[in-house]
Amino acid sequence: HATNNFPEFTGRLCPAPCEAACVLAISPEA
């Protein structure tokens, strides 16, 4: 909540650019 007023909204509705930028997304082997 320090950075996000409504995490229950983003956790359900955002397509998650955070996950696309996760280092484990570099290779399927991860």
PDB file of all heavy atoms in Angstrom:
ATOM      1  N   HIS A   1       0.809  -1.218   0.000  1.00  0.00           N
ATOM      2  CA  HIS A   1       0.000   0.000   0.000  1.00  0.00           C
ATOM      3  C   HIS A   1       0.845   1.273   0.000  1.00  0.00           C
ATOM      4  O   HIS A   1       0.329   2.360  -0.263  1.00  0.00           O
ATOM      5  CB  HIS A   1      -0.948   0.006   1.198  1.00  0.00           C
ATOM      6  CG  HIS A   1      -2.157  -0.869   1.006  1.00  0.00           C
ATOM      7  ND1 HIS A   1      -2.183  -2.184   1.399  1.00  0.00           N
ATOM      8  CD2 HIS A   1      -3.368  -0.613   0.444  1.00  0.00           C
ATOM      9  CE1 HIS A   1      -3.360  -2.710   1.105  1.00  0.00           C
ATOM     10  NE2 HIS A   1      -4.099  -1.777   0.521  1.00  0.00           N
ATOM     11  N   ALA A   2       2.129   1.151   0.267  1.00  0.00           N
ATOM     12  CA  ALA A   2       2.999   2.324   0.241  1.00  0.00           C
ATOM     13  C   ALA A   2       3.096   2.929  -1.158  1.00  0.00           C
ATOM     14  O   ALA A   2       3.361   4.131  -1.307  1.00  0.00           O
ATOM     15  CB  ALA A   2       4.396   1.959   0.746  1.00  0.00           C
ATOM     16  N   THR A   3       2.879   2.110  -2.184  1.00  0.00           N
ATOM     17  CA  THR A   3       3.012   2.597  -3.559  1.00  0.00           C
ATOM     18  C   THR A   3       1.730   2.450  -4.380  1.00  0.00           C
ATOM     19  O   THR A   3       1.670   2.967  -5.488  1.00  0.00           O
ATOM     20  CB  THR A   3       4.133   1.835  -4.291  1.00  0.00           C
ATOM     21  OG1 THR A   3       3.833   0.429  -4.279  1.00  0.00           O
ATOM     22  CG2 THR A   3       5.482   2.062  -3.625  1.00  0.00           C
ATOM     23  N   ASN A   4       0.747   1.746  -3.851  1.00  0.00           N
ATOM     24  CA  ASN A   4      -0.435   1.426  -4.649  1.00  0.00           C
ATOM     25  C   ASN A   4      -1.681   1.589  -3.787  1.00  0.00           C
ATOM     26  O   ASN A   4      -1.845   0.889  -2.786  1.00  0.00           O
ATOM     27  CB  ASN A   4      -0.334  -0.015  -5.175  1.00  0.00           C
ATOM     28  CG  ASN A   4      -1.417  -0.370  -6.168  1.00  0.00           C
ATOM     29  OD1 ASN A   4      -2.389   0.357  -6.350  1.00  0.00           O
ATOM     30  ND2 ASN A   4      -1.260  -1.506  -6.824  1.00  0.00           N
ATOM     31  N   ASN A   5      -2.564   2.507  -4.180  1.00  0.00           N
ATOM     32  CA  ASN A   5      -3.795   2.723  -3.418  1.00  0.00           C
ATOM     33  C   ASN A   5      -4.758   1.555  -3.509  1.00  0.00           C
ATOM     34  O   ASN A   5      -5.493   1.276  -2.561  1.00  0.00           O
ATOM     35  CB  ASN A   5      -4.502   3.986  -3.930  1.00  0.00           C
ATOM     36  CG  ASN A   5      -3.678   5.231  -3.752  1.00  0.00           C
ATOM     37  OD1 ASN A   5      -2.688   5.428  -4.458  1.00  0.00           O
ATOM     38  ND2 ASN A   5      -4.057   6.086  -2.813  1.00  0.00           N
ATOM     39  N   PHE A   6      -4.759   0.857  -4.643  1.00  0.00           N
ATOM     40  CA  PHE A   6      -5.795  -0.140  -4.888  1.00  0.00           C
ATOM     41  C   PHE A   6      -5.203  -1.434  -5.450  1.00  0.00           C
ATOM     42  O   PHE A   6      -5.462  -1.815  -6.596  1.00  0.00           O
ATOM     43  CB  PHE A   6      -6.844   0.419  -5.862  1.00  0.00           C
ATOM     44  CG  PHE A   6      -7.280   1.822  -5.552  1.00  0.00           C
ATOM     45  CD1 PHE A   6      -7.139   2.835  -6.492  1.00  0.00           C
ATOM     46  CD2 PHE A   6      -7.828   2.138  -4.318  1.00  0.00           C
ATOM     47  CE1 PHE A   6      -7.541   4.128  -6.213  1.00  0.00           C
ATOM     48  CE2 PHE A   6      -8.231   3.428  -4.022  1.00  0.00           C
ATOM     49  CZ  PHE A   6      -8.090   4.439  -4.967  1.00  0.00           C
ATOM     50  N   PRO A   7      -4.405  -2.151  -4.654  1.00  0.00           N
ATOM     51  CA  PRO A   7      -3.749  -3.350  -5.201  1.00  0.00           C
ATOM     52  C   PRO A   7      -4.708  -4.473  -5.558  1.00  0.00           C
ATOM     53  O   PRO A   7      -4.384  -5.321  -6.386  1.00  0.00           O
ATOM     54  CB  PRO A   7      -2.803  -3.766  -4.067  1.00  0.00           C
ATOM     55  CG  PRO A   7      -3.377  -3.160  -2.831  1.00  0.00           C
ATOM     56  CD  PRO A   7      -4.004  -1.872  -3.277  1.00  0.00           C
ATOM     57  N   GLU A   8      -5.913  -4.504  -4.942  1.00  0.00           N
ATOM     58  CA  GLU A   8      -6.871  -5.538  -5.332  1.00  0.00           C
ATOM     59  C   GLU A   8      -7.411  -5.284  -6.735  1.00  0.00           C
ATOM     60  O   GLU A   8      -7.864  -6.219  -7.403  1.00  0.00           O
ATOM     61  CB  GLU A   8      -8.023  -5.646  -4.320  1.00  0.00           C
ATOM     62  CG  GLU A   8      -8.894  -4.412  -4.225  1.00  0.00           C
ATOM     63  CD  GLU A   8      -8.395  -3.415  -3.192  1.00  0.00           C
ATOM     64  OE1 GLU A   8      -7.180  -3.206  -3.093  1.00  0.00           O
ATOM     65  OE2 GLU A   8      -9.232  -2.829  -2.486  1.00  0.00           O
ATOM     66  N   PHE A   9      -7.356  -4.033  -7.208  1.00  0.00           N
ATOM     67  CA  PHE A   9      -7.754  -3.734  -8.586  1.00  0.00           C
ATOM     68  C   PHE A   9      -6.652  -4.170  -9.553  1.00  0.00           C
ATOM     69  O   PHE A   9      -6.900  -4.899 -10.513  1.00  0.00           O
ATOM     70  CB  PHE A   9      -8.008  -2.239  -8.778  1.00  0.00           C
ATOM     71  CG  PHE A   9      -9.080  -1.644  -7.896  1.00  0.00           C
ATOM     72  CD1 PHE A   9      -9.240  -0.265  -7.820  1.00  0.00           C
ATOM     73  CD2 PHE A   9      -9.928  -2.436  -7.141  1.00  0.00           C
ATOM     74  CE1 PHE A   9     -10.221   0.300  -7.014  1.00  0.00           C
ATOM     75  CE2 PHE A   9     -10.919  -1.887  -6.333  1.00  0.00           C
ATOM     76  CZ  PHE A   9     -11.048  -0.503  -6.271  1.00  0.00           C
ATOM     77  N   THR A  10      -5.435  -3.699  -9.301  1.00  0.00           N
ATOM     78  CA  THR A  10      -4.336  -4.010 -10.219  1.00  0.00           C
ATOM     79  C   THR A  10      -4.019  -5.497 -10.216  1.00  0.00           C
ATOM     80  O   THR A  10      -3.664  -6.074 -11.247  1.00  0.00           O
ATOM     81  CB  THR A  10      -3.079  -3.205  -9.850  1.00  0.00           C
ATOM     82  OG1 THR A  10      -2.769  -3.415  -8.465  1.00  0.00           O
ATOM     83  CG2 THR A  10      -3.309  -1.719 -10.077  1.00  0.00           C
ATOM     84  N   GLY A  11      -4.144  -6.139  -9.046  1.00  0.00           N
ATOM     85  CA  GLY A  11      -3.857  -7.571  -8.974  1.00  0.00           C
ATOM     86  C   GLY A  11      -4.813  -8.419  -9.782  1.00  0.00           C
ATOM     87  O   GLY A  11      -4.515  -9.576 -10.091  1.00  0.00           O
ATOM     88  N   ARG A  12      -5.963  -7.852 -10.140  1.00  0.00           N
ATOM     89  CA  ARG A  12      -6.941  -8.583 -10.945  1.00  0.00           C
ATOM     90  C   ARG A  12      -7.006  -8.084 -12.388  1.00  0.00           C
ATOM     91  O   ARG A  12      -7.314  -8.855 -13.298  1.00  0.00           O
ATOM     92  CB  ARG A  12      -8.326  -8.474 -10.302  1.00  0.00           C
ATOM     93  CG  ARG A  12      -8.474  -9.299  -9.030  1.00  0.00           C
ATOM     94  CD  ARG A  12      -9.729  -8.951  -8.270  1.00  0.00           C
ATOM     95  NE  ARG A  12     -10.012  -9.922  -7.207  1.00  0.00           N
ATOM     96  CZ  ARG A  12      -9.440  -9.906  -6.005  1.00  0.00           C
ATOM     97  NH1 ARG A  12      -8.563  -8.941  -5.702  1.00  0.00           N
ATOM     98  NH2 ARG A  12      -9.742 -10.818  -5.097  1.00  0.00           N
ATOM     99  N   LEU A  13      -6.753  -6.800 -12.608  1.00  0.00           N
ATOM    100  CA  LEU A  13      -7.049  -6.194 -13.908  1.00  0.00           C
ATOM    101  C   LEU A  13      -5.819  -5.811 -14.718  1.00  0.00           C
ATOM    102  O   LEU A  13      -5.909  -5.692 -15.936  1.00  0.00           O
ATOM    103  CB  LEU A  13      -7.916  -4.943 -13.706  1.00  0.00           C
ATOM    104  CG  LEU A  13      -9.223  -5.143 -12.935  1.00  0.00           C
ATOM    105  CD1 LEU A  13      -9.944  -3.811 -12.774  1.00  0.00           C
ATOM    106  CD2 LEU A  13     -10.117  -6.158 -13.623  1.00  0.00           C
ATOM    107  N   CYS A  14      -4.693  -5.578 -14.068  1.00  0.00           N
ATOM    108  CA  CYS A  14      -3.508  -5.150 -14.810  1.00  0.00           C
ATOM    109  C   CYS A  14      -2.920  -6.326 -15.577  1.00  0.00           C
ATOM    110  O   CYS A  14      -2.815  -7.432 -15.033  1.00  0.00           O
ATOM    111  CB  CYS A  14      -2.471  -4.578 -13.837  1.00  0.00           C
ATOM    112  SG  CYS A  14      -0.983  -3.983 -14.659  1.00  0.00           S
ATOM    113  N   PRO A  15      -2.497  -6.137 -16.830  1.00  0.00           N
ATOM    114  CA  PRO A  15      -1.879  -7.238 -17.586  1.00  0.00           C
ATOM    115  C   PRO A  15      -0.454  -7.546 -17.144  1.00  0.00           C
ATOM    116  O   PRO A  15       0.182  -8.425 -17.718  1.00  0.00           O
ATOM    117  CB  PRO A  15      -1.918  -6.732 -19.032  1.00  0.00           C
ATOM    118  CG  PRO A  15      -1.914  -5.251 -18.910  1.00  0.00           C
ATOM    119  CD  PRO A  15      -2.702  -4.933 -17.662  1.00  0.00           C
ATOM    120  N   ALA A  16       0.039  -6.831 -16.143  1.00  0.00           N
ATOM    121  CA  ALA A  16       1.305  -7.160 -15.473  1.00  0.00           C
ATOM    122  C   ALA A  16       2.553  -6.928 -16.315  1.00  0.00           C
ATOM    123  O   ALA A  16       3.280  -7.880 -16.641  1.00  0.00           O
ATOM    124  CB  ALA A  16       1.273  -8.597 -14.945  1.00  0.00           C
ATOM    125  N   PRO A  17       2.847  -5.675 -16.654  1.00  0.00           N
ATOM    126  CA  PRO A  17       4.165  -5.407 -17.256  1.00  0.00           C
ATOM    127  C   PRO A  17       5.298  -5.775 -16.315  1.00  0.00           C
ATOM    128  O   PRO A  17       6.412  -6.035 -16.766  1.00  0.00           O
ATOM    129  CB  PRO A  17       4.122  -3.893 -17.545  1.00  0.00           C
ATOM    130  CG  PRO A  17       3.033  -3.344 -16.680  1.00  0.00           C
ATOM    131  CD  PRO A  17       2.038  -4.446 -16.532  1.00  0.00           C
ATOM    132  N   CYS A  18       5.014  -5.827 -15.005  1.00  0.00           N
ATOM    133  CA  CYS A  18       6.037  -6.251 -14.039  1.00  0.00           C
ATOM    134  C   CYS A  18       6.490  -7.671 -14.325  1.00  0.00           C
ATOM    135  O   CYS A  18       7.694  -7.985 -14.219  1.00  0.00           O
ATOM    136  CB  CYS A  18       5.489  -6.134 -12.614  1.00  0.00           C
ATOM    137  SG  CYS A  18       3.930  -7.019 -12.342  1.00  0.00           S
ATOM    138  N   GLU A  19       5.563  -8.547 -14.668  1.00  0.00           N
ATOM    139  CA  GLU A  19       5.923  -9.942 -14.936  1.00  0.00           C
ATOM    140  C   GLU A  19       6.687 -10.064 -16.250  1.00  0.00           C
ATOM    141  O   GLU A  19       7.613 -10.876 -16.364  1.00  0.00           O
ATOM    142  CB  GLU A  19       4.674 -10.813 -14.952  1.00  0.00           C
ATOM    143  CG  GLU A  19       4.000 -10.930 -13.589  1.00  0.00           C
ATOM    144  CD  GLU A  19       2.869 -11.945 -13.571  1.00  0.00           C
ATOM    145  OE1 GLU A  19       2.699 -12.667 -14.574  1.00  0.00           O
ATOM    146  OE2 GLU A  19       2.159 -12.025 -12.548  1.00  0.00           O
ATOM    147  N   ALA A  20       6.309  -9.252 -17.241  1.00  0.00           N
ATOM    148  CA  ALA A  20       7.048  -9.276 -18.511  1.00  0.00           C
ATOM    149  C   ALA A  20       8.485  -8.820 -18.311  1.00  0.00           C
ATOM    150  O   ALA A  20       9.392  -9.246 -19.038  1.00  0.00           O
ATOM    151  CB  ALA A  20       6.350  -8.390 -19.537  1.00  0.00           C
ATOM    152  N   ALA A  21       8.720  -7.938 -17.319  1.00  0.00           N
ATOM    153  CA  ALA A  21      10.057  -7.405 -17.062  1.00  0.00           C
ATOM    154  C   ALA A  21      10.814  -8.195 -15.999  1.00  0.00           C
ATOM    155  O   ALA A  21      11.960  -7.866 -15.690  1.00  0.00           O
ATOM    156  CB  ALA A  21       9.953  -5.937 -16.639  1.00  0.00           C
ATOM    157  N   CYS A  22      10.200  -9.224 -15.429  1.00  0.00           N
ATOM    158  CA  CYS A  22      10.867 -10.065 -14.430  1.00  0.00           C
ATOM    159  C   CYS A  22      12.081 -10.742 -15.062  1.00  0.00           C
ATOM    160  O   CYS A  22      12.024 -11.216 -16.210  1.00  0.00           O
ATOM    161  CB  CYS A  22       9.881 -11.109 -13.907  1.00  0.00           C
ATOM    162  SG  CYS A  22      10.578 -12.318 -12.758  1.00  0.00           S
ATOM    163  N   VAL A  23      13.178 -10.809 -14.330  1.00  0.00           N
ATOM    164  CA  VAL A  23      14.393 -11.432 -14.860  1.00  0.00           C
ATOM    165  C   VAL A  23      14.146 -12.898 -15.214  1.00  0.00           C
ATOM    166  O   VAL A  23      14.732 -13.425 -16.165  1.00  0.00           O
ATOM    167  CB  VAL A  23      15.548 -11.285 -13.850  1.00  0.00           C
ATOM    168  CG1 VAL A  23      16.749 -12.133 -14.257  1.00  0.00           C
ATOM    169  CG2 VAL A  23      15.965  -9.823 -13.744  1.00  0.00           C
ATOM    170  N   LEU A  24      13.253 -13.566 -14.491  1.00  0.00           N
ATOM    171  CA  LEU A  24      12.949 -14.961 -14.798  1.00  0.00           C
ATOM    172  C   LEU A  24      12.166 -15.119 -16.095  1.00  0.00           C
ATOM    173  O   LEU A  24      11.942 -16.244 -16.540  1.00  0.00           O
ATOM    174  CB  LEU A  24      12.172 -15.606 -13.650  1.00  0.00           C
ATOM    175  CG  LEU A  24      12.931 -15.769 -12.333  1.00  0.00           C
ATOM    176  CD1 LEU A  24      12.064 -16.452 -11.291  1.00  0.00           C
ATOM    177  CD2 LEU A  24      14.221 -16.555 -12.544  1.00  0.00           C
ATOM    178  N   ALA A  25      11.735 -13.989 -16.695  1.00  0.00           N
ATOM    179  CA  ALA A  25      11.036 -14.051 -17.975  1.00  0.00           C
ATOM    180  C   ALA A  25      12.002 -14.005 -19.155  1.00  0.00           C
ATOM    181  O   ALA A  25      11.572 -14.098 -20.307  1.00  0.00           O
ATOM    182  CB  ALA A  25      10.034 -12.898 -18.087  1.00  0.00           C
ATOM    183  N   ILE A  26      13.285 -13.867 -18.882  1.00  0.00           N
ATOM    184  CA  ILE A  26      14.250 -13.794 -19.983  1.00  0.00           C
ATOM    185  C   ILE A  26      14.273 -15.088 -20.775  1.00  0.00           C
ATOM    186  O   ILE A  26      14.296 -15.093 -22.003  1.00  0.00           O
ATOM    187  CB  ILE A  26      15.661 -13.478 -19.437  1.00  0.00           C
ATOM    188  CG1 ILE A  26      15.697 -12.085 -18.815  1.00  0.00           C
ATOM    189  CG2 ILE A  26      16.694 -13.574 -20.561  1.00  0.00           C
ATOM    190  CD1 ILE A  26      17.034 -11.730 -18.195  1.00  0.00           C
ATOM    191  N   SER A  27      14.256 -16.209 -20.062  1.00  0.00           N
ATOM    192  CA  SER A  27      14.344 -17.507 -20.717  1.00  0.00           C
ATOM    193  C   SER A  27      13.281 -18.453 -20.182  1.00  0.00           C
ATOM    194  O   SER A  27      13.074 -18.521 -18.968  1.00  0.00           O
ATOM    195  CB  SER A  27      15.733 -18.129 -20.493  1.00  0.00           C
ATOM    196  OG  SER A  27      15.765 -19.483 -20.925  1.00  0.00           O
ATOM    197  N   PRO A  28      12.618 -19.210 -21.064  1.00  0.00           N
ATOM    198  CA  PRO A  28      11.641 -20.213 -20.589  1.00  0.00           C
ATOM    199  C   PRO A  28      12.259 -21.241 -19.659  1.00  0.00           C
ATOM    200  O   PRO A  28      11.561 -21.843 -18.838  1.00  0.00           O
ATOM    201  CB  PRO A  28      11.144 -20.860 -21.889  1.00  0.00           C
ATOM    202  CG  PRO A  28      11.449 -19.875 -22.970  1.00  0.00           C
ATOM    203  CD  PRO A  28      12.685 -19.155 -22.534  1.00  0.00           C
ATOM    204  N   GLU A  29      13.575 -21.445 -19.760  1.00  0.00           N
ATOM    205  CA  GLU A  29      14.239 -22.433 -18.921  1.00  0.00           C
ATOM    206  C   GLU A  29      14.205 -22.055 -17.437  1.00  0.00           C
ATOM    207  O   GLU A  29      14.426 -22.902 -16.566  1.00  0.00           O
ATOM    208  CB  GLU A  29      15.689 -22.619 -19.378  1.00  0.00           C
ATOM    209  CG  GLU A  29      15.808 -23.198 -20.784  1.00  0.00           C
ATOM    210  CD  GLU A  29      17.255 -23.334 -21.230  1.00  0.00           C
ATOM    211  OE1 GLU A  29      18.150 -23.023 -20.412  1.00  0.00           O
ATOM    212  OE2 GLU A  29      17.484 -23.746 -22.380  1.00  0.00           O
ATOM    213  N   ALA A  30      13.924 -20.765 -17.136  1.00  0.00           N
ATOM    214  CA  ALA A  30      13.847 -20.328 -15.742  1.00  0.00           C
ATOM    215  C   ALA A  30      12.514 -20.681 -15.108  1.00  0.00           C
ATOM    216  O   ALA A  30      12.312 -20.443 -13.914  1.00  0.00           O
ATOM    217  CB  ALA A  30      14.084 -18.822 -15.660  1.00  0.00           C
TER     218      ALA A  30
END
